[in-house]
């Protein structure tokens, strides 16, 4: 539930607070997949489509979209939910890249990801394209 200490003067959750929750949610998904400590390597752009107001619920859903050798792309969707009516709005989305770490603090291999459903295959293919764009941007 969004409380006043998480809000700006307009009564909406702070964007930085949403980003903090997105990072935590994605880290949980990455750690569960890799069964190891993880660190955030990158966050793609985040757009805020609707405010989440004080008193509303903020719902965050994460999925592992792609797993490379040592890194994973996690997609997070953020929703607001009116606590009385149950109305839900998609407020933002983000793609985050995490690297799994071994006991020595160095990157370690992560389990492969085998998409099974049409939705998982779509997310996997789109994540692979985003990964290629990220790598191209880094190397240029």
C-alpha atoms as a PDB file:
ATOM      1  CA  UNK A   1       0.000   0.000   0.000  1.00  0.00           C
ATOM      2  CA  UNK A   2       1.307   3.447  -0.863  1.00  0.00           C
ATOM      3  CA  UNK A   3       1.702   5.436   2.327  1.00  0.00           C
ATOM      4  CA  UNK A   4       2.227   9.197   2.713  1.00  0.00           C
ATOM      5  CA  UNK A   5       5.946   8.809   3.458  1.00  0.00           C
ATOM      6  CA  UNK A   6       6.376   7.288  -0.053  1.00  0.00           C
ATOM      7  CA  UNK A   7       4.554  10.152  -1.791  1.00  0.00           C
ATOM      8  CA  UNK A   8       5.310  13.518  -3.325  1.00  0.00           C
ATOM      9  CA  UNK A   9       3.308  16.676  -2.457  1.00  0.00           C
ATOM     10  CA  UNK A  10       0.691  15.672  -5.079  1.00  0.00           C
ATOM     11  CA  UNK A  11      -0.103  12.470  -3.173  1.00  0.00           C
ATOM     12  CA  UNK A  12       1.508  10.145  -5.755  1.00  0.00           C
ATOM     13  CA  UNK A  13       4.238   7.615  -5.037  1.00  0.00           C
ATOM     14  CA  UNK A  14       7.683   9.008  -5.788  1.00  0.00           C
ATOM     15  CA  UNK A  15       9.172   7.798  -9.078  1.00  0.00           C
ATOM     16  CA  UNK A  16      12.393   6.916  -7.277  1.00  0.00           C
ATOM     17  CA  UNK A  17      10.444   4.774  -4.820  1.00  0.00           C
ATOM     18  CA  UNK A  18       8.818   2.915  -7.721  1.00  0.00           C
ATOM     19  CA  UNK A  19      12.252   2.360  -9.271  1.00  0.00           C
ATOM     20  CA  UNK A  20      13.546   1.056  -5.922  1.00  0.00           C
ATOM     21  CA  UNK A  21      10.661  -1.437  -5.717  1.00  0.00           C
ATOM     22  CA  UNK A  22      11.209  -2.453  -9.360  1.00  0.00           C
ATOM     23  CA  UNK A  23      14.893  -3.149  -8.646  1.00  0.00           C
ATOM     24  CA  UNK A  24      14.090  -5.234  -5.569  1.00  0.00           C
ATOM     25  CA  UNK A  25      11.362  -7.200  -7.360  1.00  0.00           C
ATOM     26  CA  UNK A  26      13.634  -7.926 -10.321  1.00  0.00           C
ATOM     27  CA  UNK A  27      16.519  -8.909  -8.017  1.00  0.00           C
ATOM     28  CA  UNK A  28      14.294 -11.463  -6.295  1.00  0.00           C
ATOM     29  CA  UNK A  29      13.373 -13.035  -9.654  1.00  0.00           C
ATOM     30  CA  UNK A  30      17.029 -13.071 -10.772  1.00  0.00           C
ATOM     31  CA  UNK A  31      18.228 -14.573  -7.505  1.00  0.00           C
ATOM     32  CA  UNK A  32      15.518 -17.233  -7.571  1.00  0.00           C
ATOM     33  CA  UNK A  33      16.521 -18.203 -11.123  1.00  0.00           C
ATOM     34  CA  UNK A  34      20.268 -18.229 -10.488  1.00  0.00           C
ATOM     35  CA  UNK A  35      20.162 -19.364  -6.847  1.00  0.00           C
ATOM     36  CA  UNK A  36      23.028 -16.968  -6.169  1.00  0.00           C
ATOM     37  CA  UNK A  37      23.572 -13.351  -5.166  1.00  0.00           C
ATOM     38  CA  UNK A  38      22.950 -10.931  -8.023  1.00  0.00           C
ATOM     39  CA  UNK A  39      23.799  -7.335  -8.869  1.00  0.00           C
ATOM     40  CA  UNK A  40      21.986  -4.882 -11.107  1.00  0.00           C
ATOM     41  CA  UNK A  41      23.976  -4.292 -14.306  1.00  0.00           C
ATOM     42  CA  UNK A  42      21.526  -2.037 -16.153  1.00  0.00           C
ATOM     43  CA  UNK A  43      18.006  -0.698 -16.209  1.00  0.00           C
ATOM     44  CA  UNK A  44      16.346   0.251 -19.475  1.00  0.00           C
ATOM     45  CA  UNK A  45      14.210   3.358 -19.652  1.00  0.00           C
ATOM     46  CA  UNK A  46      11.236   3.587 -17.327  1.00  0.00           C
ATOM     47  CA  UNK A  47       8.113   5.490 -18.356  1.00  0.00           C
ATOM     48  CA  UNK A  48       5.396   6.397 -15.868  1.00  0.00           C
ATOM     49  CA  UNK A  49       1.973   6.199 -17.532  1.00  0.00           C
ATOM     50  CA  UNK A  50      -0.307   6.659 -14.516  1.00  0.00           C
ATOM     51  CA  UNK A  51       0.319   7.822 -10.956  1.00  0.00           C
ATOM     52  CA  UNK A  52      -0.092   5.485  -8.012  1.00  0.00           C
ATOM     53  CA  UNK A  53      -1.868   7.419  -5.284  1.00  0.00           C
ATOM     54  CA  UNK A  54      -1.593   7.249  -1.516  1.00  0.00           C
ATOM     55  CA  UNK A  55      -3.933   4.508  -0.289  1.00  0.00           C
ATOM     56  CA  UNK A  56      -3.696   2.461  -3.487  1.00  0.00           C
ATOM     57  CA  UNK A  57      -1.878  -0.825  -3.779  1.00  0.00           C
ATOM     58  CA  UNK A  58       1.215  -1.061  -5.961  1.00  0.00           C
ATOM     59  CA  UNK A  59       1.523  -4.461  -7.627  1.00  0.00           C
ATOM     60  CA  UNK A  60       4.824  -5.544  -9.175  1.00  0.00           C
ATOM     61  CA  UNK A  61       5.153  -8.646 -11.356  1.00  0.00           C
ATOM     62  CA  UNK A  62       8.545  -9.902 -12.523  1.00  0.00           C
ATOM     63  CA  UNK A  63       9.619 -12.541 -15.010  1.00  0.00           C
ATOM     64  CA  UNK A  64      12.959 -13.836 -16.218  1.00  0.00           C
ATOM     65  CA  UNK A  65      12.787 -13.109 -19.945  1.00  0.00           C
ATOM     66  CA  UNK A  66      16.264 -14.207 -20.988  1.00  0.00           C
ATOM     67  CA  UNK A  67      19.315 -15.876 -19.461  1.00  0.00           C
ATOM     68  CA  UNK A  68      22.745 -15.588 -21.027  1.00  0.00           C
ATOM     69  CA  UNK A  69      25.963 -17.018 -19.644  1.00  0.00           C
ATOM     70  CA  UNK A  70      26.185 -14.956 -16.457  1.00  0.00           C
ATOM     71  CA  UNK A  71      23.431 -12.383 -16.908  1.00  0.00           C
ATOM     72  CA  UNK A  72      19.650 -12.360 -17.020  1.00  0.00           C
ATOM     73  CA  UNK A  73      17.045  -9.911 -18.296  1.00  0.00           C
ATOM     74  CA  UNK A  74      14.156  -9.454 -15.907  1.00  0.00           C
ATOM     75  CA  UNK A  75      10.957  -7.730 -16.984  1.00  0.00           C
ATOM     76  CA  UNK A  76       8.885  -5.961 -14.345  1.00  0.00           C
ATOM     77  CA  UNK A  77       5.348  -4.669 -14.825  1.00  0.00           C
ATOM     78  CA  UNK A  78       3.950  -2.230 -12.286  1.00  0.00           C
ATOM     79  CA  UNK A  79       0.242  -1.792 -11.631  1.00  0.00           C
ATOM     80  CA  UNK A  80      -1.821   0.401  -9.358  1.00  0.00           C
ATOM     81  CA  UNK A  81      -4.869  -1.141  -7.757  1.00  0.00           C
ATOM     82  CA  UNK A  82      -7.684   0.745  -6.108  1.00  0.00           C
ATOM     83  CA  UNK A  83      -8.044  -0.884  -2.713  1.00  0.00           C
ATOM     84  CA  UNK A  84     -11.844  -0.543  -2.705  1.00  0.00           C
ATOM     85  CA  UNK A  85     -12.928  -1.146  -6.312  1.00  0.00           C
ATOM     86  CA  UNK A  86     -10.094  -3.486  -7.341  1.00  0.00           C
ATOM     87  CA  UNK A  87      -9.573  -1.471 -10.556  1.00  0.00           C
ATOM     88  CA  UNK A  88      -6.064  -2.087 -11.850  1.00  0.00           C
ATOM     89  CA  UNK A  89      -4.009   0.131 -14.165  1.00  0.00           C
ATOM     90  CA  UNK A  90      -0.674  -0.665 -15.796  1.00  0.00           C
ATOM     91  CA  UNK A  91       1.505   2.212 -14.593  1.00  0.00           C
ATOM     92  CA  UNK A  92       4.989   1.334 -15.828  1.00  0.00           C
ATOM     93  CA  UNK A  93       7.331  -1.365 -17.090  1.00  0.00           C
ATOM     94  CA  UNK A  94      11.074  -1.843 -17.014  1.00  0.00           C
ATOM     95  CA  UNK A  95      13.702  -4.279 -18.201  1.00  0.00           C
ATOM     96  CA  UNK A  96      16.667  -4.869 -15.908  1.00  0.00           C
ATOM     97  CA  UNK A  97      19.836  -6.852 -16.443  1.00  0.00           C
ATOM     98  CA  UNK A  98      21.353  -8.709 -13.505  1.00  0.00           C
ATOM     99  CA  UNK A  99      24.638 -10.575 -13.187  1.00  0.00           C
ATOM    100  CA  UNK A 100      24.901 -13.602 -10.915  1.00  0.00           C
ATOM    101  CA  UNK A 101      27.898 -13.748  -8.576  1.00  0.00           C
ATOM    102  CA  UNK A 102      29.799 -16.734  -7.264  1.00  0.00           C
ATOM    103  CA  UNK A 103      31.346 -17.055  -3.788  1.00  0.00           C
ATOM    104  CA  UNK A 104      34.459 -15.242  -5.072  1.00  0.00           C
ATOM    105  CA  UNK A 105      32.370 -12.211  -6.070  1.00  0.00           C
ATOM    106  CA  UNK A 106      32.978 -12.829  -9.775  1.00  0.00           C
ATOM    107  CA  UNK A 107      30.270 -13.480 -12.385  1.00  0.00           C
ATOM    108  CA  UNK A 108      29.085 -17.063 -12.443  1.00  0.00           C
ATOM    109  CA  UNK A 109      27.084 -19.069 -14.940  1.00  0.00           C
ATOM    110  CA  UNK A 110      23.317 -19.063 -14.610  1.00  0.00           C
ATOM    111  CA  UNK A 111      20.916 -21.875 -15.515  1.00  0.00           C
ATOM    112  CA  UNK A 112      19.617 -21.799 -19.060  1.00  0.00           C
ATOM    113  CA  UNK A 113      16.110 -20.514 -19.615  1.00  0.00           C
ATOM    114  CA  UNK A 114      13.848 -22.709 -21.717  1.00  0.00           C
ATOM    115  CA  UNK A 115      10.763 -20.811 -22.840  1.00  0.00           C
ATOM    116  CA  UNK A 116       7.772 -23.119 -23.136  1.00  0.00           C
ATOM    117  CA  UNK A 117       4.634 -21.083 -23.813  1.00  0.00           C
ATOM    118  CA  UNK A 118       4.028 -18.747 -26.762  1.00  0.00           C
ATOM    119  CA  UNK A 119       4.200 -15.797 -24.341  1.00  0.00           C
ATOM    120  CA  UNK A 120       7.528 -16.981 -22.902  1.00  0.00           C
ATOM    121  CA  UNK A 121       8.939 -17.502 -26.405  1.00  0.00           C
ATOM    122  CA  UNK A 122       7.848 -13.990 -27.434  1.00  0.00           C
ATOM    123  CA  UNK A 123       9.430 -12.448 -24.315  1.00  0.00           C
ATOM    124  CA  UNK A 124      12.617 -14.476 -24.858  1.00  0.00           C
ATOM    125  CA  UNK A 125      12.968 -13.351 -28.503  1.00  0.00           C
ATOM    126  CA  UNK A 126      12.296  -9.697 -27.648  1.00  0.00           C
ATOM    127  CA  UNK A 127      14.748  -9.862 -24.718  1.00  0.00           C
ATOM    128  CA  UNK A 128      17.432 -11.304 -26.984  1.00  0.00           C
ATOM    129  CA  UNK A 129      16.952  -8.367 -29.387  1.00  0.00           C
ATOM    130  CA  UNK A 130      17.208  -5.878 -26.498  1.00  0.00           C
ATOM    131  CA  UNK A 131      20.357  -7.639 -25.290  1.00  0.00           C
ATOM    132  CA  UNK A 132      21.935  -7.303 -28.745  1.00  0.00           C
ATOM    133  CA  UNK A 133      21.088  -3.566 -28.803  1.00  0.00           C
ATOM    134  CA  UNK A 134      22.565  -3.104 -25.296  1.00  0.00           C
ATOM    135  CA  UNK A 135      25.769  -4.887 -26.273  1.00  0.00           C
ATOM    136  CA  UNK A 136      26.053  -2.851 -29.473  1.00  0.00           C
ATOM    137  CA  UNK A 137      25.618   0.375 -27.486  1.00  0.00           C
ATOM    138  CA  UNK A 138      28.295  -0.663 -24.975  1.00  0.00           C
ATOM    139  CA  UNK A 139      30.832  -1.579 -27.660  1.00  0.00           C
ATOM    140  CA  UNK A 140      30.410   1.668 -29.612  1.00  0.00           C
END
